[in-house]
N, C-alpha and C. Protein backbone atom coordinates (compact mmCIF):
# COMPACT_ATOMS: atom_id res chain seq x y z
N MET A 1 1.16 -1.36 -0.12
CA MET A 1 -0.05 -0.21 -0.37
C MET A 1 0.74 1.44 -0.10
N GLU A 2 0.30 2.33 -1.10
CA GLU A 2 1.11 3.58 -0.97
C GLU A 2 0.99 4.39 0.01
N MET A 3 1.62 5.46 -0.04
CA MET A 3 0.92 6.79 0.90
C MET A 3 -0.06 7.34 0.48
N LYS A 4 -0.09 7.44 -1.02
CA LYS A 4 -0.90 7.68 -1.37
C LYS A 4 -2.76 7.48 -1.49
N GLU A 5 -2.58 5.86 -1.20
CA GLU A 5 -3.72 5.31 -0.94
C GLU A 5 -4.64 5.29 0.19
N MET A 6 -3.51 6.80 1.57
CA MET A 6 -3.55 6.34 2.96
C MET A 6 -3.86 7.33 2.78
N ASN A 7 -5.27 7.61 3.59
CA ASN A 7 -5.88 8.98 3.85
C ASN A 7 -5.22 9.41 5.27
N LEU A 8 -4.11 10.16 5.15
CA LEU A 8 -3.66 10.69 6.48
C LEU A 8 -4.54 11.25 6.83
N MET A 9 -5.64 12.26 6.71
CA MET A 9 -6.79 13.07 7.76
C MET A 9 -7.48 12.17 8.29
N GLY A 10 -7.90 10.74 7.81
CA GLY A 10 -8.72 10.06 8.17
C GLY A 10 -8.56 9.57 9.48
N ILE A 11 -6.84 9.41 9.65
CA ILE A 11 -6.37 9.18 11.08
C ILE A 11 -7.28 9.95 12.16
N ILE A 12 -7.62 11.25 11.80
CA ILE A 12 -8.06 12.42 12.85
C ILE A 12 -9.67 11.78 13.07
N ALA A 13 -9.89 11.57 12.37
CA ALA A 13 -11.39 10.68 12.72
C ALA A 13 -11.14 9.52 13.67
N LEU A 14 -10.41 8.98 13.69
CA LEU A 14 -9.73 7.55 14.06
C LEU A 14 -9.51 8.06 15.58
N VAL A 15 -8.66 9.01 15.85
CA VAL A 15 -8.21 9.71 17.03
C VAL A 15 -9.43 10.44 17.85
N GLY A 16 -10.63 10.70 17.02
CA GLY A 16 -11.16 11.40 17.47
C GLY A 16 -12.26 10.84 18.02
N ALA A 17 -12.70 9.17 17.30
CA ALA A 17 -13.63 8.01 17.34
C ALA A 17 -12.76 7.64 19.00
N ILE A 18 -11.86 7.91 18.98
CA ILE A 18 -10.97 7.03 20.49
C ILE A 18 -11.03 8.11 21.64
N LEU A 19 -10.82 9.16 21.13
CA LEU A 19 -11.37 10.31 22.51
C LEU A 19 -12.87 10.12 22.58
N LEU A 20 -13.81 9.56 21.78
CA LEU A 20 -15.03 10.04 22.56
C LEU A 20 -15.44 8.48 22.98
N VAL A 21 -14.73 7.24 23.14
CA VAL A 21 -14.68 6.08 23.76
C VAL A 21 -14.37 6.44 25.10
N VAL A 22 -13.14 6.78 25.10
CA VAL A 22 -12.26 6.50 26.34
C VAL A 22 -13.06 7.90 27.23
N GLY A 23 -13.31 9.34 26.94
CA GLY A 23 -13.93 10.11 27.46
C GLY A 23 -14.83 9.56 28.50
N VAL A 24 -16.25 8.52 27.55
CA VAL A 24 -17.12 8.26 28.56
C VAL A 24 -16.67 7.61 29.78
N PHE A 25 -15.85 6.90 29.68
CA PHE A 25 -15.17 6.21 31.20
C PHE A 25 -14.45 7.37 32.28
N LEU A 26 -14.35 8.12 31.46
CA LEU A 26 -13.85 9.01 32.63
C LEU A 26 -14.63 10.33 33.33
N ASP A 27 -14.15 10.66 34.38
CA ASP A 27 -14.55 12.06 35.05
C ASP A 27 -15.83 12.80 34.03
N TRP A 28 -16.63 12.62 34.17
CA TRP A 28 -17.49 13.98 33.50
C TRP A 28 -17.82 15.25 34.43
N MET A 29 -17.86 15.16 35.73
CA MET A 29 -18.73 15.76 36.66
C MET A 29 -17.60 15.74 37.74
N VAL A 30 -17.57 16.53 38.81
CA VAL A 30 -16.52 16.94 39.67
C VAL A 30 -17.06 17.68 40.56
N ILE A 31 -17.65 17.42 41.42
CA ILE A 31 -18.31 18.48 43.11
C ILE A 31 -17.31 18.35 43.75
N GLU A 32 -16.99 19.33 44.49
CA GLU A 32 -16.01 19.45 45.80
C GLU A 32 -16.67 20.50 46.56
N SER A 33 -16.95 20.13 47.81
CA SER A 33 -17.25 21.00 49.14
C SER A 33 -16.21 20.78 49.75
N ALA A 34 -16.35 21.87 50.84
CA ALA A 34 -15.53 22.01 52.34
C ALA A 34 -14.66 20.48 52.92
N TYR A 35 -15.88 19.95 52.60
CA TYR A 35 -15.84 18.36 53.57
C TYR A 35 -15.28 16.95 52.78
N ASP A 36 -15.97 17.07 51.36
CA ASP A 36 -15.82 15.73 50.14
C ASP A 36 -15.78 16.38 48.79
N SER A 37 -15.22 15.41 48.32
CA SER A 37 -15.35 15.63 46.78
C SER A 37 -16.50 14.45 46.49
N ASP A 38 -16.33 14.70 45.44
CA ASP A 38 -17.18 13.35 44.39
C ASP A 38 -16.70 13.31 43.17
N SER A 39 -17.07 13.03 42.05
CA SER A 39 -16.73 12.56 40.57
C SER A 39 -17.74 11.74 40.44
N ALA A 40 -18.15 11.86 39.02
CA ALA A 40 -18.94 10.91 37.93
C ALA A 40 -18.43 10.77 36.95
N THR A 41 -18.27 9.44 36.49
CA THR A 41 -17.72 9.54 34.97
C THR A 41 -19.24 9.49 33.74
N GLY A 42 -19.02 9.29 32.81
CA GLY A 42 -19.80 9.95 31.72
C GLY A 42 -20.73 8.18 32.16
N TRP A 43 -19.69 7.39 32.19
CA TRP A 43 -20.82 5.76 32.33
C TRP A 43 -21.81 6.08 33.72
N LYS A 44 -21.54 6.32 34.75
CA LYS A 44 -21.70 6.45 36.49
C LYS A 44 -23.15 6.95 35.71
N ILE A 45 -22.83 8.46 34.88
CA ILE A 45 -23.94 9.15 34.57
C ILE A 45 -25.22 8.08 33.86
N PHE A 46 -24.91 7.65 32.59
CA PHE A 46 -26.03 7.45 32.34
C PHE A 46 -26.48 6.05 33.57
N ASP A 47 -25.45 5.19 33.92
CA ASP A 47 -26.17 4.06 34.76
C ASP A 47 -27.45 4.57 35.38
N ASP A 48 -26.72 5.73 36.27
CA ASP A 48 -28.18 6.02 37.43
C ASP A 48 -28.51 7.13 36.99
N GLY A 49 -29.18 7.16 35.45
CA GLY A 49 -30.00 8.06 34.69
C GLY A 49 -31.31 7.87 35.36
N ASP A 50 -31.32 6.74 35.70
CA ASP A 50 -33.30 6.68 35.98
C ASP A 50 -33.53 7.21 37.52
N LYS A 51 -32.17 7.17 38.64
CA LYS A 51 -32.60 7.87 39.68
C LYS A 51 -32.21 9.32 39.74
N SER A 52 -31.59 10.10 38.92
CA SER A 52 -30.96 11.36 38.31
C SER A 52 -32.67 12.70 38.31
N ASP A 53 -31.97 13.55 38.48
CA ASP A 53 -33.43 14.85 37.91
C ASP A 53 -32.42 15.27 36.78
N LEU A 54 -31.79 14.66 36.33
CA LEU A 54 -30.83 15.18 35.05
C LEU A 54 -31.45 14.92 33.56
N SER A 55 -31.48 15.72 32.50
CA SER A 55 -32.29 14.91 31.53
C SER A 55 -30.93 14.86 31.02
N TYR A 56 -31.11 13.93 29.17
CA TYR A 56 -29.94 13.71 28.69
C TYR A 56 -28.86 13.03 29.36
N THR A 57 -29.22 12.39 30.13
CA THR A 57 -28.32 11.29 30.95
C THR A 57 -27.46 10.19 30.14
N TYR A 58 -28.67 9.97 28.72
CA TYR A 58 -28.29 8.61 27.50
C TYR A 58 -27.16 9.45 27.19
N ALA A 59 -26.98 10.56 27.03
CA ALA A 59 -25.63 11.04 26.49
C ALA A 59 -24.19 10.67 25.70
N PRO A 60 -23.96 10.07 27.32
CA PRO A 60 -22.25 9.09 27.34
C PRO A 60 -22.54 7.88 26.64
N LEU A 61 -23.93 6.91 26.62
CA LEU A 61 -24.16 5.90 26.16
C LEU A 61 -23.78 6.46 24.76
N VAL A 62 -24.55 7.22 24.12
CA VAL A 62 -24.91 7.88 22.61
C VAL A 62 -23.08 7.91 22.04
N ALA A 63 -22.60 9.06 22.90
CA ALA A 63 -21.49 9.17 22.48
C ALA A 63 -20.26 8.03 22.48
N LEU A 64 -20.81 6.96 23.18
CA LEU A 64 -19.95 5.49 23.33
C LEU A 64 -20.22 4.97 22.05
N ILE A 65 -21.34 4.59 21.64
CA ILE A 65 -22.28 4.03 20.81
C ILE A 65 -21.25 4.38 19.31
N CYS A 66 -21.52 5.65 19.22
CA CYS A 66 -20.98 6.64 18.10
C CYS A 66 -19.15 6.73 17.85
N GLY A 67 -18.87 6.43 18.84
CA GLY A 67 -17.40 6.59 18.80
C GLY A 67 -16.84 5.11 18.53
N ILE A 68 -17.53 4.10 18.69
CA ILE A 68 -17.19 2.77 18.25
C ILE A 68 -17.48 2.60 17.10
N ILE A 69 -18.61 2.92 16.56
CA ILE A 69 -18.76 2.74 14.89
C ILE A 69 -18.45 3.67 13.89
N SER A 70 -18.02 5.14 14.80
CA SER A 70 -17.11 5.60 14.17
C SER A 70 -15.78 4.94 13.76
N LEU A 71 -15.04 4.46 14.49
CA LEU A 71 -14.11 3.59 15.18
C LEU A 71 -13.61 3.39 13.77
N VAL A 72 -15.08 1.48 13.56
CA VAL A 72 -14.93 0.92 12.84
C VAL A 72 -15.47 1.25 11.33
N VAL A 73 -16.46 2.01 11.16
CA VAL A 73 -16.54 2.84 9.49
C VAL A 73 -14.92 3.62 9.21
N MET A 74 -14.29 4.04 10.16
CA MET A 74 -13.63 5.41 8.98
C MET A 74 -12.07 4.08 9.17
N ILE A 75 -11.95 3.07 9.35
CA ILE A 75 -10.69 2.46 9.13
C ILE A 75 -10.63 1.94 7.63
N LEU A 76 -11.53 1.69 6.93
CA LEU A 76 -11.60 1.74 5.51
C LEU A 76 -10.70 3.06 4.56
N PRO A 77 -11.88 4.17 4.90
CA PRO A 77 -11.58 5.41 4.19
C PRO A 77 -10.44 6.01 4.38
N THR A 78 -9.96 5.69 5.97
CA THR A 78 -8.29 5.61 6.36
C THR A 78 -7.09 4.72 5.14
N ILE A 79 -7.66 3.76 5.27
CA ILE A 79 -6.18 2.55 4.42
C ILE A 79 -6.23 2.54 3.04
N MET A 80 -7.86 3.03 2.47
CA MET A 80 -8.04 2.42 1.45
C MET A 80 -8.81 3.83 0.25
N ASN A 81 -8.10 4.24 0.69
CA ASN A 81 -9.14 5.93 0.06
C ASN A 81 -8.13 6.02 -1.43
N THR A 82 -8.42 4.87 -2.27
CA THR A 82 -8.05 4.84 -3.40
C THR A 82 -9.90 5.30 -4.62
N GLU A 83 -9.54 5.17 -5.71
CA GLU A 83 -10.64 5.76 -6.47
C GLU A 83 -11.72 4.90 -6.60
N LYS A 84 -11.39 3.83 -6.55
CA LYS A 84 -12.49 2.50 -6.88
C LYS A 84 -12.95 2.12 -5.65
N PHE A 85 -12.75 3.07 -4.07
CA PHE A 85 -13.41 2.46 -3.33
C PHE A 85 -13.80 3.93 -2.62
N ALA A 86 -13.86 4.92 -3.74
CA ALA A 86 -14.39 6.92 -3.33
C ALA A 86 -15.53 6.78 -2.86
N GLN A 87 -16.97 5.65 -3.72
CA GLN A 87 -18.21 5.96 -3.27
C GLN A 87 -18.11 5.73 -1.45
N ILE A 88 -17.92 4.37 -1.47
CA ILE A 88 -17.52 3.84 -0.02
C ILE A 88 -17.70 4.63 1.08
N ASN A 89 -16.13 5.26 0.74
CA ASN A 89 -15.57 6.23 1.27
C ASN A 89 -16.19 7.22 1.74
N ASN A 90 -16.77 7.79 0.99
CA ASN A 90 -17.55 8.97 1.19
C ASN A 90 -18.88 8.67 1.89
N LEU A 91 -19.30 7.28 1.93
CA LEU A 91 -20.50 7.10 2.44
C LEU A 91 -20.49 7.02 3.90
N LEU A 92 -18.81 6.22 4.15
CA LEU A 92 -18.54 5.83 5.37
C LEU A 92 -17.99 6.93 6.20
N GLY A 93 -17.35 8.09 5.74
CA GLY A 93 -17.23 9.45 6.13
C GLY A 93 -18.52 10.01 6.74
N LEU A 94 -19.21 10.16 5.63
CA LEU A 94 -20.67 10.96 6.30
C LEU A 94 -21.44 10.34 6.92
N LEU A 95 -20.91 8.69 7.34
CA LEU A 95 -21.62 8.32 8.19
C LEU A 95 -20.97 8.65 9.67
N ALA A 96 -19.52 8.47 10.00
CA ALA A 96 -18.87 9.23 10.92
C ALA A 96 -19.24 10.92 11.29
N LEU A 97 -19.54 11.72 9.95
CA LEU A 97 -19.51 12.40 10.61
C LEU A 97 -20.93 12.75 11.17
N VAL A 98 -22.08 11.80 10.98
CA VAL A 98 -23.59 12.34 11.35
C VAL A 98 -23.57 11.79 12.22
N LEU A 99 -22.38 10.49 12.68
CA LEU A 99 -22.68 10.48 14.09
C LEU A 99 -22.16 11.27 15.24
N ALA A 100 -21.23 11.63 14.80
CA ALA A 100 -20.08 12.42 15.40
C ALA A 100 -21.20 14.05 15.63
N ILE A 101 -21.57 14.71 15.12
CA ILE A 101 -22.68 15.63 14.72
C ILE A 101 -23.97 15.36 16.13
N VAL A 102 -24.15 13.96 16.11
CA VAL A 102 -25.25 13.63 17.13
C VAL A 102 -24.67 13.55 18.53
N SER A 103 -23.72 12.83 18.72
CA SER A 103 -22.88 12.72 19.12
C SER A 103 -22.69 14.35 20.18
N ILE A 104 -21.75 15.22 19.18
CA ILE A 104 -21.59 16.75 20.30
C ILE A 104 -23.03 17.58 20.48
N VAL A 105 -24.31 17.14 19.53
CA VAL A 105 -25.64 17.93 20.27
C VAL A 105 -26.21 17.17 21.64
N LEU A 106 -25.96 16.13 21.85
CA LEU A 106 -26.34 15.62 23.04
C LEU A 106 -25.69 16.14 24.07
N ILE A 107 -24.13 16.08 24.21
CA ILE A 107 -23.41 16.61 25.22
C ILE A 107 -23.79 17.74 24.83
N VAL A 108 -23.74 18.68 24.23
CA VAL A 108 -24.19 20.20 24.62
C VAL A 108 -25.49 20.30 24.92
N LEU A 109 -26.31 19.14 24.45
CA LEU A 109 -27.60 19.32 25.33
C LEU A 109 -27.63 19.17 27.01
N PHE A 110 -27.05 18.49 27.25
CA PHE A 110 -26.56 17.61 28.89
C PHE A 110 -25.94 18.89 29.29
N MET A 111 -25.00 19.26 28.99
CA MET A 111 -24.17 20.28 29.36
C MET A 111 -25.49 21.75 29.68
N THR A 112 -25.81 21.80 29.01
CA THR A 112 -26.67 23.12 29.41
C THR A 112 -28.36 23.18 29.27
N GLN A 113 -28.25 22.36 30.17
CA GLN A 113 -30.13 21.56 30.75
C GLN A 113 -29.89 22.62 31.56
N LYS A 114 -31.39 22.47 31.82
CA LYS A 114 -31.81 23.29 33.16
C LYS A 114 -32.39 21.68 34.11
N VAL A 115 -32.43 22.42 35.33
CA VAL A 115 -32.42 21.39 35.98
C VAL A 115 -33.55 21.63 37.22
N GLU A 116 -34.76 20.93 37.11
CA GLU A 116 -35.74 21.16 37.73
C GLU A 116 -35.93 19.93 39.33
N VAL A 117 -35.67 20.50 40.48
CA VAL A 117 -35.59 20.02 41.58
C VAL A 117 -36.62 20.23 42.76
N MET A 118 -37.76 19.44 43.18
CA MET A 118 -38.74 19.53 44.06
C MET A 118 -39.24 20.83 43.32
N GLY A 119 -39.80 21.39 42.03
CA GLY A 119 -40.60 22.40 41.48
C GLY A 119 -39.06 23.85 41.77
N VAL A 120 -38.02 23.57 41.95
CA VAL A 120 -37.48 24.91 41.84
C VAL A 120 -36.29 24.20 40.51
N GLU A 121 -36.54 25.44 39.56
CA GLU A 121 -35.87 25.18 38.08
C GLU A 121 -34.27 26.18 38.32
N PHE A 122 -33.61 25.48 38.01
CA PHE A 122 -31.99 25.89 37.93
C PHE A 122 -31.62 26.11 37.03
N ASP A 123 -30.86 27.05 36.06
CA ASP A 123 -30.33 27.70 34.78
C ASP A 123 -29.37 26.61 34.25
N SER A 124 -28.82 26.19 35.32
CA SER A 124 -27.61 24.73 34.87
C SER A 124 -27.28 23.65 35.72
N ILE A 125 -26.43 22.47 35.47
CA ILE A 125 -26.11 21.87 36.51
C ILE A 125 -25.14 22.80 37.53
N LYS A 126 -24.64 23.61 37.01
CA LYS A 126 -23.50 24.27 37.47
C LYS A 126 -24.19 24.65 38.57
N ASP A 127 -25.41 25.74 38.23
CA ASP A 127 -25.90 26.48 39.09
C ASP A 127 -26.63 25.80 40.41
N TYR A 128 -27.11 24.71 39.76
CA TYR A 128 -27.60 23.42 40.52
C TYR A 128 -27.36 23.22 41.82
N PHE A 129 -25.39 22.63 41.87
CA PHE A 129 -24.74 22.40 42.77
C PHE A 129 -23.99 23.73 43.14
N GLU A 130 -23.75 25.43 42.74
CA GLU A 130 -23.44 26.33 43.79
C GLU A 130 -24.23 26.69 44.52
N SER A 131 -25.85 26.65 44.12
CA SER A 131 -26.84 26.72 45.20
C SER A 131 -26.65 26.66 46.51
N PHE A 132 -25.98 25.11 46.56
CA PHE A 132 -25.59 24.16 47.90
C PHE A 132 -24.66 24.84 48.67
N GLY A 133 -23.68 25.48 47.46
CA GLY A 133 -21.91 26.01 48.29
C GLY A 133 -21.06 25.07 47.96
N ILE A 134 -21.69 23.85 46.44
CA ILE A 134 -20.86 23.29 45.96
C ILE A 134 -20.58 23.14 45.12
N ASP A 135 -18.50 23.81 44.97
CA ASP A 135 -17.80 23.60 43.89
C ASP A 135 -18.26 22.76 42.57
N PHE A 136 -18.54 23.42 41.46
CA PHE A 136 -18.85 21.83 40.13
C PHE A 136 -17.96 22.40 39.21
N LYS A 137 -17.02 21.66 38.49
CA LYS A 137 -16.33 21.59 37.67
C LYS A 137 -16.93 20.13 36.54
N TRP A 138 -16.72 20.78 34.94
CA TRP A 138 -16.82 19.67 33.97
C TRP A 138 -15.38 18.77 34.06
N GLY A 139 -15.27 17.63 33.69
CA GLY A 139 -14.49 16.84 33.89
C GLY A 139 -13.73 16.45 32.88
N ILE A 140 -12.58 15.84 33.13
CA ILE A 140 -12.09 15.85 31.90
C ILE A 140 -12.76 15.06 30.39
N GLY A 141 -12.85 13.88 31.42
CA GLY A 141 -13.85 12.79 30.22
C GLY A 141 -14.98 13.85 29.83
N PHE A 142 -15.66 14.83 30.03
CA PHE A 142 -16.51 15.41 29.73
C PHE A 142 -16.15 16.05 28.48
N TRP A 143 -15.06 16.95 28.28
CA TRP A 143 -14.24 17.57 27.48
C TRP A 143 -13.53 16.92 26.54
N LEU A 144 -12.84 15.77 26.92
CA LEU A 144 -12.55 14.76 25.87
C LEU A 144 -13.25 14.19 24.86
N THR A 145 -14.75 14.10 25.48
CA THR A 145 -15.89 13.46 24.62
C THR A 145 -16.16 14.74 23.52
N LEU A 146 -16.70 15.71 23.68
CA LEU A 146 -16.84 16.78 23.42
C LEU A 146 -15.88 17.12 22.34
N VAL A 147 -14.75 17.05 22.76
CA VAL A 147 -13.54 17.26 21.75
C VAL A 147 -13.42 16.19 20.46
N GLY A 148 -13.42 14.62 21.05
CA GLY A 148 -13.59 13.94 20.26
C GLY A 148 -14.64 13.57 19.04
N GLY A 149 -16.02 14.56 20.06
CA GLY A 149 -17.06 14.17 18.96
C GLY A 149 -16.19 15.59 17.94
N ILE A 150 -15.92 16.53 17.99
CA ILE A 150 -15.71 17.65 17.13
C ILE A 150 -14.43 16.98 16.27
N ILE A 151 -13.67 16.53 16.32
CA ILE A 151 -12.61 15.93 15.75
C ILE A 151 -12.50 14.78 15.19
N THR A 152 -13.93 13.94 15.52
CA THR A 152 -14.34 12.89 14.68
C THR A 152 -15.01 13.31 13.38
N ALA A 153 -16.00 14.65 14.02
CA ALA A 153 -16.59 15.02 12.90
C ALA A 153 -15.88 15.60 11.42
N VAL A 154 -14.71 16.17 11.68
CA VAL A 154 -13.86 17.00 11.03
C VAL A 154 -13.30 15.71 10.38
N GLY A 155 -12.73 14.39 10.95
CA GLY A 155 -11.68 13.72 10.50
C GLY A 155 -12.75 12.31 9.49
N GLY A 156 -14.34 12.96 9.31
CA GLY A 156 -15.09 12.39 8.78
C GLY A 156 -15.26 12.90 7.80
N LEU A 157 -15.07 14.26 7.74
CA LEU A 157 -15.42 15.13 6.49
C LEU A 157 -14.37 14.77 5.28
N MET A 158 -13.09 14.37 6.13
CA MET A 158 -11.82 14.28 5.14
C MET A 158 -11.69 14.01 3.77
N PRO A 159 -12.74 12.26 4.29
CA PRO A 159 -12.82 11.55 2.85
C PRO A 159 -13.22 11.92 1.98
N ILE A 160 -14.20 12.37 2.43
CA ILE A 160 -15.48 13.65 1.14
C ILE A 160 -14.48 14.58 0.64
N LEU A 161 -13.61 15.65 1.62
CA LEU A 161 -13.29 16.57 0.74
C LEU A 161 -12.24 16.00 -0.29
N LYS A 162 -11.46 14.81 0.17
CA LYS A 162 -10.18 14.27 -0.67
C LYS A 162 -10.81 13.58 -1.72
N ASN A 163 -12.09 12.74 -1.58
CA ASN A 163 -12.42 12.49 -2.90
C ASN A 163 -13.04 13.05 -4.00
N LYS A 164 -13.45 14.57 -3.56
CA LYS A 164 -14.16 15.52 -4.48
C LYS A 164 -12.93 16.32 -4.78
N GLY A 165 -11.64 16.55 -4.56
CA GLY A 165 -10.39 17.01 -4.82
C GLY A 165 -10.50 18.29 -4.06
N ILE A 166 -11.51 18.62 -3.18
CA ILE A 166 -11.63 19.73 -2.40
C ILE A 166 -10.21 20.27 -1.38
N ILE A 167 -9.50 19.07 -1.27
CA ILE A 167 -8.29 18.60 -0.37
C ILE A 167 -7.57 17.97 -1.21
N ASN A 168 -6.08 18.08 -0.69
CA ASN A 168 -5.39 17.35 -1.56
C ASN A 168 -3.91 17.08 -0.85
N PHE A 169 -4.26 16.09 0.22
CA PHE A 169 -3.08 15.53 0.92
C PHE A 169 -2.26 14.13 0.55
C-alpha cells in the first residue's frame, strides 16, 4: 500500500473516535465541597440516569456507541482511499460525520440543560450545585468526549473532501 492510497487525514477521525470512547469512562462531573469531593464518569451518569433529576443522561451511551461505530467505519477510508473505493469511503465518512454531530448535540444539550428539583428550576447543572455551596467543574472525560466528537466530525468530512478534490493530501 502506497502513502497516496492512505488518507492521513482519516486518522484524525480515528483519534476523535478513540477520544469519544475513552472520555465516556473518565470523569464528566467533579463536585467539591469544604468537607468532601466526588466525581461521576459518563458511564456512571448513564447508569444512574433513572435515579437522577438530570435530562440527557443517555448522552454518554450515545457518545460511546457513536465512537465505536465511527472507529470501525473510518478504518476503510483511512487505509484504502483509492478511486475505486471513493463512493463507499464517502458514505462511511458521511456516517462518521453524522454520528459525531449527534454526539456533539447531545453532549451540549446535557451541558446546557435546566435542572428542576422539587419545583425549583436552576439554569444549569453548575447553578444547581453552587446553590448548595458546592464547587462544580466539568471533568476531563466530558471535555475529551466533546472534543472527540468535534475531531471525529472533521475527520469524517476528510474522505469526502479528498475524494471530491477539494483538499489534496
